[in-house]
N, C-alpha and C. Protein backbone atom coordinates (compact mmCIF):
# COMPACT_ATOMS: atom_id res chain seq x y z
N MET A 1 12.06 15.56 6.98
CA MET A 1 12.06 14.13 6.90
C MET A 1 12.36 13.71 5.46
N ALA A 2 13.10 12.63 5.30
CA ALA A 2 13.49 12.14 3.98
C ALA A 2 12.29 11.57 3.23
N LYS A 3 12.33 11.70 1.93
CA LYS A 3 11.26 11.18 1.09
C LYS A 3 11.61 9.76 0.63
N TYR A 4 10.69 8.85 0.78
CA TYR A 4 10.90 7.46 0.41
C TYR A 4 10.56 7.24 -1.06
N LYS A 5 11.25 6.30 -1.68
CA LYS A 5 10.94 5.91 -3.06
C LYS A 5 9.85 4.83 -2.99
N ILE A 6 8.90 4.89 -3.89
CA ILE A 6 7.80 3.92 -3.91
C ILE A 6 8.00 2.96 -5.07
N THR A 7 7.94 1.65 -4.77
CA THR A 7 8.00 0.62 -5.79
C THR A 7 6.77 -0.26 -5.65
N PHE A 8 6.48 -1.00 -6.71
CA PHE A 8 5.30 -1.87 -6.72
C PHE A 8 5.70 -3.29 -7.07
N LYS A 9 5.11 -4.25 -6.39
CA LYS A 9 5.24 -5.64 -6.79
C LYS A 9 4.51 -5.79 -8.13
N LYS A 10 4.98 -6.67 -8.99
CA LYS A 10 4.39 -6.81 -10.32
C LYS A 10 2.89 -7.12 -10.28
N SER A 11 2.46 -7.86 -9.29
CA SER A 11 1.05 -8.26 -9.21
C SER A 11 0.12 -7.10 -8.86
N VAL A 12 0.65 -5.97 -8.40
CA VAL A 12 -0.19 -4.83 -8.05
C VAL A 12 -0.88 -4.27 -9.29
N ALA A 13 -0.24 -4.32 -10.44
CA ALA A 13 -0.87 -3.84 -11.68
C ALA A 13 -2.13 -4.65 -11.97
N LYS A 14 -2.06 -5.95 -11.75
CA LYS A 14 -3.23 -6.82 -11.94
C LYS A 14 -4.31 -6.48 -10.91
N ASP A 15 -3.89 -6.24 -9.68
CA ASP A 15 -4.84 -5.85 -8.63
C ASP A 15 -5.60 -4.59 -9.02
N LEU A 16 -4.89 -3.60 -9.53
CA LEU A 16 -5.50 -2.31 -9.87
C LEU A 16 -6.44 -2.41 -11.07
N ARG A 17 -6.15 -3.32 -12.00
CA ARG A 17 -7.04 -3.49 -13.16
C ARG A 17 -8.42 -4.00 -12.75
N ALA A 18 -8.51 -4.68 -11.63
CA ALA A 18 -9.78 -5.24 -11.17
C ALA A 18 -10.62 -4.22 -10.39
N ILE A 19 -10.09 -3.03 -10.19
CA ILE A 19 -10.75 -1.99 -9.38
C ILE A 19 -11.25 -0.89 -10.32
N PRO A 20 -12.45 -0.33 -10.08
CA PRO A 20 -12.96 0.76 -10.92
C PRO A 20 -11.99 1.96 -10.97
N ASN A 21 -11.95 2.64 -12.12
CA ASN A 21 -10.99 3.73 -12.35
C ASN A 21 -11.06 4.85 -11.32
N GLN A 22 -12.25 5.24 -10.90
CA GLN A 22 -12.35 6.33 -9.93
C GLN A 22 -11.72 5.94 -8.60
N ASP A 23 -11.84 4.67 -8.23
CA ASP A 23 -11.21 4.19 -6.99
C ASP A 23 -9.70 4.07 -7.16
N VAL A 24 -9.25 3.67 -8.35
CA VAL A 24 -7.81 3.56 -8.61
C VAL A 24 -7.14 4.91 -8.44
N ALA A 25 -7.78 5.97 -8.91
CA ALA A 25 -7.20 7.32 -8.78
C ALA A 25 -7.01 7.68 -7.31
N ARG A 26 -7.98 7.37 -6.47
CA ARG A 26 -7.86 7.66 -5.03
C ARG A 26 -6.79 6.79 -4.38
N ILE A 27 -6.71 5.53 -4.81
CA ILE A 27 -5.70 4.61 -4.25
C ILE A 27 -4.30 5.10 -4.61
N LEU A 28 -4.08 5.50 -5.85
CA LEU A 28 -2.76 5.98 -6.27
C LEU A 28 -2.39 7.27 -5.55
N SER A 29 -3.37 8.11 -5.29
CA SER A 29 -3.11 9.33 -4.53
C SER A 29 -2.67 8.98 -3.10
N CYS A 30 -3.33 8.02 -2.51
CA CYS A 30 -2.97 7.57 -1.16
C CYS A 30 -1.56 6.97 -1.15
N ILE A 31 -1.22 6.20 -2.17
CA ILE A 31 0.12 5.60 -2.27
C ILE A 31 1.17 6.69 -2.40
N ASP A 32 0.90 7.73 -3.18
CA ASP A 32 1.85 8.84 -3.31
C ASP A 32 2.14 9.49 -1.97
N GLN A 33 1.15 9.56 -1.11
CA GLN A 33 1.34 10.17 0.21
C GLN A 33 2.23 9.33 1.12
N LEU A 34 2.43 8.06 0.79
CA LEU A 34 3.30 7.21 1.61
C LEU A 34 4.77 7.57 1.45
N ALA A 35 5.12 8.36 0.44
CA ALA A 35 6.52 8.71 0.20
C ALA A 35 7.09 9.62 1.28
N ALA A 36 6.27 10.47 1.87
CA ALA A 36 6.80 11.40 2.89
C ALA A 36 6.94 10.71 4.24
N PRO A 37 5.87 10.43 4.95
CA PRO A 37 6.00 9.62 6.17
C PRO A 37 5.29 8.28 5.95
N PRO A 38 5.99 7.19 5.68
CA PRO A 38 5.32 5.92 5.39
C PRO A 38 4.54 5.36 6.57
N ARG A 39 4.82 5.85 7.76
CA ARG A 39 4.08 5.40 8.95
C ARG A 39 3.17 6.52 9.46
N ALA A 40 2.45 7.14 8.56
CA ALA A 40 1.58 8.27 8.91
C ALA A 40 0.34 7.80 9.66
N GLU A 41 -0.46 8.76 10.07
CA GLU A 41 -1.71 8.45 10.77
C GLU A 41 -2.58 7.55 9.91
N GLY A 42 -3.18 6.55 10.51
CA GLY A 42 -4.02 5.61 9.79
C GLY A 42 -3.29 4.37 9.33
N CYS A 43 -2.00 4.35 9.48
CA CYS A 43 -1.17 3.20 9.09
C CYS A 43 -1.18 2.20 10.25
N ILE A 44 -1.36 0.93 9.92
CA ILE A 44 -1.39 -0.11 10.95
C ILE A 44 -0.39 -1.21 10.58
N LYS A 45 0.43 -1.64 11.54
CA LYS A 45 1.35 -2.75 11.31
C LYS A 45 0.57 -4.04 11.40
N LEU A 46 0.80 -4.94 10.43
CA LEU A 46 0.08 -6.21 10.41
C LEU A 46 0.72 -7.18 11.39
N MET A 47 -0.10 -7.93 12.07
CA MET A 47 0.39 -8.91 13.04
C MET A 47 1.03 -10.09 12.31
N GLY A 48 2.20 -10.51 12.80
CA GLY A 48 2.86 -11.68 12.23
C GLY A 48 3.61 -11.42 10.94
N ARG A 49 3.66 -10.17 10.51
CA ARG A 49 4.34 -9.81 9.26
C ARG A 49 5.12 -8.52 9.47
N GLU A 50 6.00 -8.24 8.55
CA GLU A 50 6.74 -6.98 8.58
C GLU A 50 6.10 -5.97 7.64
N SER A 51 4.81 -6.12 7.41
CA SER A 51 4.08 -5.26 6.49
C SER A 51 3.16 -4.31 7.24
N TYR A 52 2.73 -3.28 6.52
CA TYR A 52 1.80 -2.30 7.05
C TYR A 52 0.61 -2.23 6.12
N ARG A 53 -0.49 -1.65 6.61
CA ARG A 53 -1.64 -1.44 5.76
C ARG A 53 -2.22 -0.07 6.02
N VAL A 54 -2.81 0.46 4.96
CA VAL A 54 -3.51 1.73 5.06
C VAL A 54 -4.84 1.55 4.33
N ARG A 55 -5.88 2.21 4.83
CA ARG A 55 -7.21 2.11 4.24
C ARG A 55 -7.42 3.20 3.20
N GLN A 56 -8.13 2.83 2.15
CA GLN A 56 -8.61 3.81 1.18
C GLN A 56 -10.02 3.36 0.80
N GLY A 57 -11.00 3.89 1.50
CA GLY A 57 -12.38 3.46 1.27
C GLY A 57 -12.54 2.00 1.64
N ILE A 58 -13.09 1.20 0.71
CA ILE A 58 -13.28 -0.22 0.98
C ILE A 58 -12.07 -1.05 0.57
N TYR A 59 -11.01 -0.38 0.15
CA TYR A 59 -9.79 -1.07 -0.28
C TYR A 59 -8.69 -0.92 0.75
N ARG A 60 -7.77 -1.88 0.73
CA ARG A 60 -6.62 -1.84 1.63
C ARG A 60 -5.35 -1.91 0.79
N ILE A 61 -4.35 -1.15 1.21
CA ILE A 61 -3.05 -1.12 0.54
C ILE A 61 -2.06 -1.74 1.51
N ILE A 62 -1.44 -2.84 1.11
CA ILE A 62 -0.46 -3.52 1.95
C ILE A 62 0.92 -3.17 1.41
N TYR A 63 1.83 -2.78 2.30
CA TYR A 63 3.16 -2.38 1.85
C TYR A 63 4.21 -2.69 2.90
N ASP A 64 5.45 -2.81 2.43
CA ASP A 64 6.62 -3.02 3.28
C ASP A 64 7.44 -1.74 3.29
N ILE A 65 8.15 -1.51 4.38
CA ILE A 65 9.02 -0.34 4.49
C ILE A 65 10.44 -0.82 4.74
N ARG A 66 11.38 -0.31 3.94
CA ARG A 66 12.81 -0.59 4.16
C ARG A 66 13.48 0.73 4.47
N ASP A 67 13.63 1.01 5.76
CA ASP A 67 14.17 2.29 6.20
C ASP A 67 15.63 2.50 5.79
N GLU A 68 16.41 1.43 5.74
CA GLU A 68 17.83 1.58 5.44
C GLU A 68 18.09 2.11 4.03
N VAL A 69 17.16 1.88 3.10
CA VAL A 69 17.32 2.38 1.73
C VAL A 69 16.20 3.34 1.33
N LEU A 70 15.39 3.77 2.31
CA LEU A 70 14.28 4.71 2.07
C LEU A 70 13.36 4.21 0.95
N LEU A 71 12.80 3.02 1.15
CA LEU A 71 11.98 2.37 0.13
C LEU A 71 10.65 1.91 0.72
N VAL A 72 9.57 2.19 0.00
CA VAL A 72 8.24 1.66 0.32
C VAL A 72 7.86 0.77 -0.85
N ASN A 73 7.60 -0.51 -0.58
CA ASN A 73 7.24 -1.47 -1.62
C ASN A 73 5.78 -1.88 -1.42
N VAL A 74 4.92 -1.49 -2.37
CA VAL A 74 3.50 -1.85 -2.31
C VAL A 74 3.37 -3.28 -2.81
N VAL A 75 2.81 -4.16 -1.97
CA VAL A 75 2.75 -5.58 -2.33
C VAL A 75 1.35 -6.07 -2.68
N LYS A 76 0.30 -5.36 -2.24
CA LYS A 76 -1.05 -5.82 -2.54
C LYS A 76 -2.03 -4.67 -2.40
N VAL A 77 -2.99 -4.60 -3.31
CA VAL A 77 -4.11 -3.66 -3.22
C VAL A 77 -5.36 -4.47 -3.56
N ALA A 78 -6.31 -4.51 -2.63
CA ALA A 78 -7.52 -5.30 -2.88
C ALA A 78 -8.64 -4.84 -1.96
N HIS A 79 -9.82 -5.37 -2.23
CA HIS A 79 -10.99 -5.13 -1.38
C HIS A 79 -10.69 -5.65 0.01
N ARG A 80 -11.26 -5.03 1.00
CA ARG A 80 -10.96 -5.38 2.39
C ARG A 80 -11.28 -6.83 2.73
N ALA A 81 -12.23 -7.45 2.05
CA ALA A 81 -12.58 -8.84 2.32
C ALA A 81 -11.55 -9.82 1.75
N GLU A 82 -10.77 -9.38 0.78
CA GLU A 82 -9.84 -10.28 0.08
C GLU A 82 -8.37 -10.01 0.36
N VAL A 83 -8.03 -8.85 0.85
CA VAL A 83 -6.64 -8.41 0.87
C VAL A 83 -5.73 -9.24 1.78
N TYR A 84 -6.26 -9.78 2.85
CA TYR A 84 -5.40 -10.48 3.80
C TYR A 84 -5.18 -11.95 3.45
N LYS A 85 -5.70 -12.40 2.31
CA LYS A 85 -5.58 -13.79 1.90
C LYS A 85 -4.34 -14.08 1.07
N TYR A 86 -3.44 -13.10 0.94
CA TYR A 86 -2.23 -13.32 0.15
C TYR A 86 -1.14 -13.91 1.04
N SER A 87 -0.14 -14.51 0.38
CA SER A 87 0.95 -15.08 1.18
C SER A 87 2.25 -14.40 0.89
């Protein structure tokens, strides 16, 4: 299977600064795993959007997949209570 390139929305850096360092390390490891099969086990398609989410502890990683160019774009990382409030 082809390996996808991972990109980040600019606001993700701000999201990660608000999260403790030990959790950030686990989140980044989880994001790295999205490069091989972006629709791996545990991935859920969001209703009403073309985005997907994956869980990492109490945090959620929201991302888009562009299959035609093999690209995964991470758009939001936040606590599970706050992550779905973005537009």
